[in-house]
């Protein structure tokens, strides 16, 4: 499990051995008798996760002689849990966040703005005549069109922006620290990019599809709490 542990570790104080093994201080697990705490560190060059349980080793007089640690490898369970969480908050088609993810992260964005007394802005936009696109080119083209919209927008937005599919042909963006004037400029860049990068439709007669969209934006600014 932990090949770095060798005979040199025997007899060493736990904190010293742990520091040599992981490069970090020993975590506070002594006070969680019978409980478990999840820890992660690199083992053999790979990140692994362990559930650490501890219990006190007592002498005949009830005095504490040491601590017994039980390490359970939960790397696979952790990976599965992370993947399930990702799927719960990701739009299955475009790969960006879904509405639930936006509300979750958007609330955190608002709380951070309130604490710092800064502003944040939101942009809601949709693709015009979406039903006509569906009726004319079919479901497959619609799916690829939505993915294309998401990819084009990601080239414009900064990494700190929240970007999610709100539902159907609607997308929503959260911009921390951005005023409504600046949000308007971002919205215009998005509109121009979507209009300037047509999507080639599928079918027997593929043709470039030029997007038009309606964009709405608002700013919120809250005083320090």
Protein backbone atom coordinates (compact mmCIF):
# COMPACT_ATOMS: atom_id res chain seq x y z
CA UNK A 1 0.00 0.00 0.00
CA UNK A 2 2.74 2.45 0.99
CA UNK A 3 6.09 1.24 -0.36
CA UNK A 4 7.88 4.29 1.06
CA UNK A 5 7.51 2.81 4.55
CA UNK A 6 10.55 0.71 5.37
CA UNK A 7 12.48 -0.62 8.31
CA UNK A 8 13.86 2.86 8.96
CA UNK A 9 10.38 3.96 10.04
CA UNK A 10 10.21 1.43 12.86
CA UNK A 11 10.59 3.05 16.24
CA UNK A 12 10.37 6.61 14.94
CA UNK A 13 7.87 9.07 16.40
CA UNK A 14 4.75 9.04 14.27
CA UNK A 15 4.92 12.71 13.33
CA UNK A 16 8.53 12.39 12.15
CA UNK A 17 7.81 9.26 10.10
CA UNK A 18 4.69 10.85 8.60
CA UNK A 19 6.57 14.01 7.61
CA UNK A 20 9.27 11.94 5.89
CA UNK A 21 6.63 9.87 4.10
CA UNK A 22 4.21 12.56 2.93
CA UNK A 23 6.10 15.83 3.19
CA UNK A 24 3.35 17.30 5.37
CA UNK A 25 2.50 17.47 9.05
CA UNK A 26 0.61 14.60 10.62
CA UNK A 27 -3.15 15.31 10.42
CA UNK A 28 -5.25 15.73 13.52
CA UNK A 29 -6.73 12.25 13.76
CA UNK A 30 -5.81 11.46 17.36
CA UNK A 31 -9.06 12.86 18.71
CA UNK A 32 -11.42 10.90 16.49
CA UNK A 33 -11.36 7.53 18.24
CA UNK A 34 -13.56 5.13 16.32
CA UNK A 35 -14.28 7.77 13.68
CA UNK A 36 -12.83 8.08 10.19
CA UNK A 37 -11.14 10.89 8.33
CA UNK A 38 -10.37 10.89 4.61
CA UNK A 39 -6.85 11.89 3.64
CA UNK A 40 -5.07 12.03 0.31
CA UNK A 41 -1.41 11.94 -0.59
CA UNK A 42 0.85 10.71 -3.35
CA UNK A 43 1.89 7.07 -3.19
CA UNK A 44 4.32 5.86 -5.84
CA UNK A 45 3.77 9.05 -7.82
CA UNK A 46 -0.03 8.69 -7.88
CA UNK A 47 -2.64 10.44 -5.76
CA UNK A 48 -4.42 8.00 -3.48
CA UNK A 49 -7.05 8.47 -0.81
CA UNK A 50 -7.31 6.66 2.51
CA UNK A 51 -9.89 6.51 5.25
CA UNK A 52 -7.89 6.86 8.46
CA UNK A 53 -9.32 5.50 11.69
CA UNK A 54 -7.57 5.83 15.00
CA UNK A 55 -7.90 4.38 18.47
CA UNK A 56 -5.86 4.85 21.61
CA UNK A 57 -3.64 2.06 22.91
CA UNK A 58 -4.01 1.97 26.70
CA UNK A 59 -1.79 0.47 29.35
CA UNK A 60 -2.91 -1.63 32.31
CA UNK A 61 -3.45 1.50 34.37
CA UNK A 62 -5.52 3.15 31.67
CA UNK A 63 -2.71 5.44 30.58
CA UNK A 64 -2.32 6.18 26.87
CA UNK A 65 0.66 4.34 25.41
CA UNK A 66 0.14 5.30 21.80
CA UNK A 67 -2.26 5.48 18.89
CA UNK A 68 -3.29 2.69 16.56
CA UNK A 69 -4.03 3.83 13.00
CA UNK A 70 -6.01 1.85 10.45
CA UNK A 71 -5.67 3.01 6.83
CA UNK A 72 -8.30 1.86 4.32
CA UNK A 73 -7.64 2.56 0.64
CA UNK A 74 -10.76 4.30 -0.73
CA UNK A 75 -9.22 5.64 -3.95
CA UNK A 76 -11.67 3.83 -6.23
CA UNK A 77 -14.67 4.86 -4.14
CA UNK A 78 -13.42 8.45 -4.14
CA UNK A 79 -13.05 8.43 -7.93
CA UNK A 80 -16.58 7.04 -8.32
CA UNK A 81 -17.97 9.63 -5.91
CA UNK A 82 -16.24 12.46 -7.76
CA UNK A 83 -17.52 11.18 -11.10
CA UNK A 84 -21.10 10.93 -9.81
CA UNK A 85 -20.88 14.48 -8.46
CA UNK A 86 -19.49 15.69 -11.78
CA UNK A 87 -22.35 14.04 -13.66
CA UNK A 88 -24.90 15.52 -11.27
CA UNK A 89 -23.72 19.05 -12.04
CA UNK A 90 -22.72 18.72 -15.70
CA UNK A 91 -24.83 19.11 -18.80
CA UNK A 92 -24.64 15.76 -20.54
CA UNK A 93 -24.64 17.24 -24.04
CA UNK A 94 -22.30 20.23 -23.92
CA UNK A 95 -20.11 19.23 -20.98
CA UNK A 96 -20.52 22.61 -19.28
CA UNK A 97 -22.40 23.08 -16.02
CA UNK A 98 -26.13 22.50 -15.79
CA UNK A 99 -28.75 24.65 -14.05
CA UNK A 100 -28.19 22.99 -10.66
CA UNK A 101 -24.46 23.60 -10.93
CA UNK A 102 -25.01 27.25 -11.79
CA UNK A 103 -27.32 27.83 -8.84
CA UNK A 104 -24.83 26.10 -6.54
CA UNK A 105 -21.82 28.06 -7.74
CA UNK A 106 -23.83 31.22 -8.35
CA UNK A 107 -24.87 31.31 -4.71
CA UNK A 108 -21.22 31.06 -3.67
CA UNK A 109 -20.40 33.86 -6.11
CA UNK A 110 -23.06 36.10 -4.57
CA UNK A 111 -21.88 35.32 -1.05
CA UNK A 112 -18.29 36.18 -1.99
CA UNK A 113 -19.41 39.42 -3.62
CA UNK A 114 -21.42 40.33 -0.53
CA UNK A 115 -18.48 39.64 1.77
CA UNK A 116 -16.09 41.68 -0.36
CA UNK A 117 -18.55 44.45 -1.24
CA UNK A 118 -17.90 43.91 -4.95
CA UNK A 119 -20.20 43.45 -7.89
CA UNK A 120 -21.00 40.52 -10.12
CA UNK A 121 -23.05 40.33 -13.28
CA UNK A 122 -25.13 37.69 -15.00
CA UNK A 123 -25.88 37.13 -18.67
CA UNK A 124 -28.80 35.02 -19.87
CA UNK A 125 -29.07 34.32 -23.57
CA UNK A 126 -30.77 31.95 -25.93
CA UNK A 127 -30.52 30.97 -29.58
CA UNK A 128 -33.15 32.58 -31.80
CA UNK A 129 -35.49 30.48 -33.95
CA UNK A 130 -34.32 27.30 -32.29
CA UNK A 131 -37.48 25.36 -33.15
CA UNK A 132 -37.01 26.27 -36.80
CA UNK A 133 -33.47 24.88 -36.67
CA UNK A 134 -34.84 21.66 -35.21
CA UNK A 135 -37.63 21.39 -37.76
CA UNK A 136 -35.32 22.14 -40.69
CA UNK A 137 -32.18 20.20 -39.86
CA UNK A 138 -33.28 17.61 -37.30
CA UNK A 139 -32.32 16.63 -33.76
CA UNK A 140 -28.75 15.65 -34.55
CA UNK A 141 -27.95 19.07 -35.95
CA UNK A 142 -29.60 20.70 -32.94
CA UNK A 143 -27.36 18.75 -30.56
CA UNK A 144 -24.24 19.66 -32.49
CA UNK A 145 -25.39 23.27 -32.70
CA UNK A 146 -25.70 23.49 -28.91
CA UNK A 147 -22.25 21.97 -28.47
CA UNK A 148 -20.88 24.46 -30.99
CA UNK A 149 -22.42 27.39 -29.09
CA UNK A 150 -20.82 26.19 -25.86
CA UNK A 151 -17.40 25.82 -27.47
CA UNK A 152 -17.52 29.26 -29.08
CA UNK A 153 -18.55 30.89 -25.81
CA UNK A 154 -15.75 29.18 -23.89
CA UNK A 155 -13.20 30.84 -26.18
CA UNK A 156 -14.54 34.26 -25.11
CA UNK A 157 -15.14 33.74 -21.40
CA UNK A 158 -12.41 33.96 -18.77
CA UNK A 159 -11.69 30.86 -16.64
CA UNK A 160 -13.30 32.39 -13.53
CA UNK A 161 -16.65 32.90 -15.30
CA UNK A 162 -19.52 30.55 -14.45
CA UNK A 163 -21.01 29.09 -17.61
CA UNK A 164 -23.94 26.72 -17.73
CA UNK A 165 -26.75 25.51 -19.91
CA UNK A 166 -29.89 26.83 -18.27
CA UNK A 167 -32.16 24.54 -20.26
CA UNK A 168 -33.11 23.93 -23.88
CA UNK A 169 -31.40 26.59 -25.99
CA UNK A 170 -30.79 28.91 -23.03
CA UNK A 171 -27.37 29.54 -21.50
CA UNK A 172 -26.41 31.55 -18.42
CA UNK A 173 -23.14 33.15 -17.38
CA UNK A 174 -21.93 34.54 -14.05
CA UNK A 175 -19.16 37.13 -14.11
CA UNK A 176 -17.52 37.84 -10.73
CA UNK A 177 -16.20 41.37 -10.26
CA UNK A 178 -17.70 42.55 -13.55
CA UNK A 179 -19.92 45.65 -13.80
CA UNK A 180 -23.03 45.81 -15.94
CA UNK A 181 -21.18 47.96 -18.48
CA UNK A 182 -18.43 45.37 -18.75
CA UNK A 183 -21.03 42.59 -18.91
CA UNK A 184 -22.58 44.38 -21.88
CA UNK A 185 -19.21 44.33 -23.60
CA UNK A 186 -18.84 40.60 -22.90
CA UNK A 187 -22.34 39.99 -24.23
CA UNK A 188 -21.51 41.84 -27.43
CA UNK A 189 -18.33 39.82 -27.91
CA UNK A 190 -20.35 36.64 -27.45
CA UNK A 191 -22.96 37.76 -29.95
CA UNK A 192 -20.31 38.72 -32.49
CA UNK A 193 -18.43 35.44 -32.03
CA UNK A 194 -21.57 33.35 -32.46
CA UNK A 195 -22.55 35.29 -35.54
CA UNK A 196 -19.04 35.07 -36.97
CA UNK A 197 -18.56 31.33 -36.49
CA UNK A 198 -21.38 29.54 -38.30
CA UNK A 199 -22.02 25.87 -37.71
CA UNK A 200 -22.09 23.45 -40.65
CA UNK A 201 -25.34 21.53 -40.48
CA UNK A 202 -25.55 17.81 -41.10
CA UNK A 203 -27.68 16.09 -43.69
CA UNK A 204 -27.64 15.65 -47.43
CA UNK A 205 -27.12 19.36 -48.08
CA UNK A 206 -24.94 20.73 -45.29
CA UNK A 207 -24.81 24.50 -45.07
CA UNK A 208 -23.42 27.04 -42.62
CA UNK A 209 -25.89 28.04 -39.93
CA UNK A 210 -25.45 31.58 -38.63
CA UNK A 211 -26.64 32.10 -35.06
CA UNK A 212 -28.54 35.06 -33.76
CA UNK A 213 -29.32 35.40 -30.08
CA UNK A 214 -31.03 37.56 -27.51
CA UNK A 215 -28.89 38.47 -24.51
CA UNK A 216 -30.05 39.88 -21.18
CA UNK A 217 -27.70 40.95 -18.41
CA UNK A 218 -27.94 42.32 -14.88
CA UNK A 219 -25.58 43.44 -12.13
CA UNK A 220 -25.75 42.91 -8.40
CA UNK A 221 -23.67 44.86 -5.91
CA UNK A 222 -23.95 44.35 -2.19
CA UNK A 223 -22.32 46.15 0.72
CA UNK A 224 -19.93 44.45 3.11
CA UNK A 225 -21.66 42.20 5.62
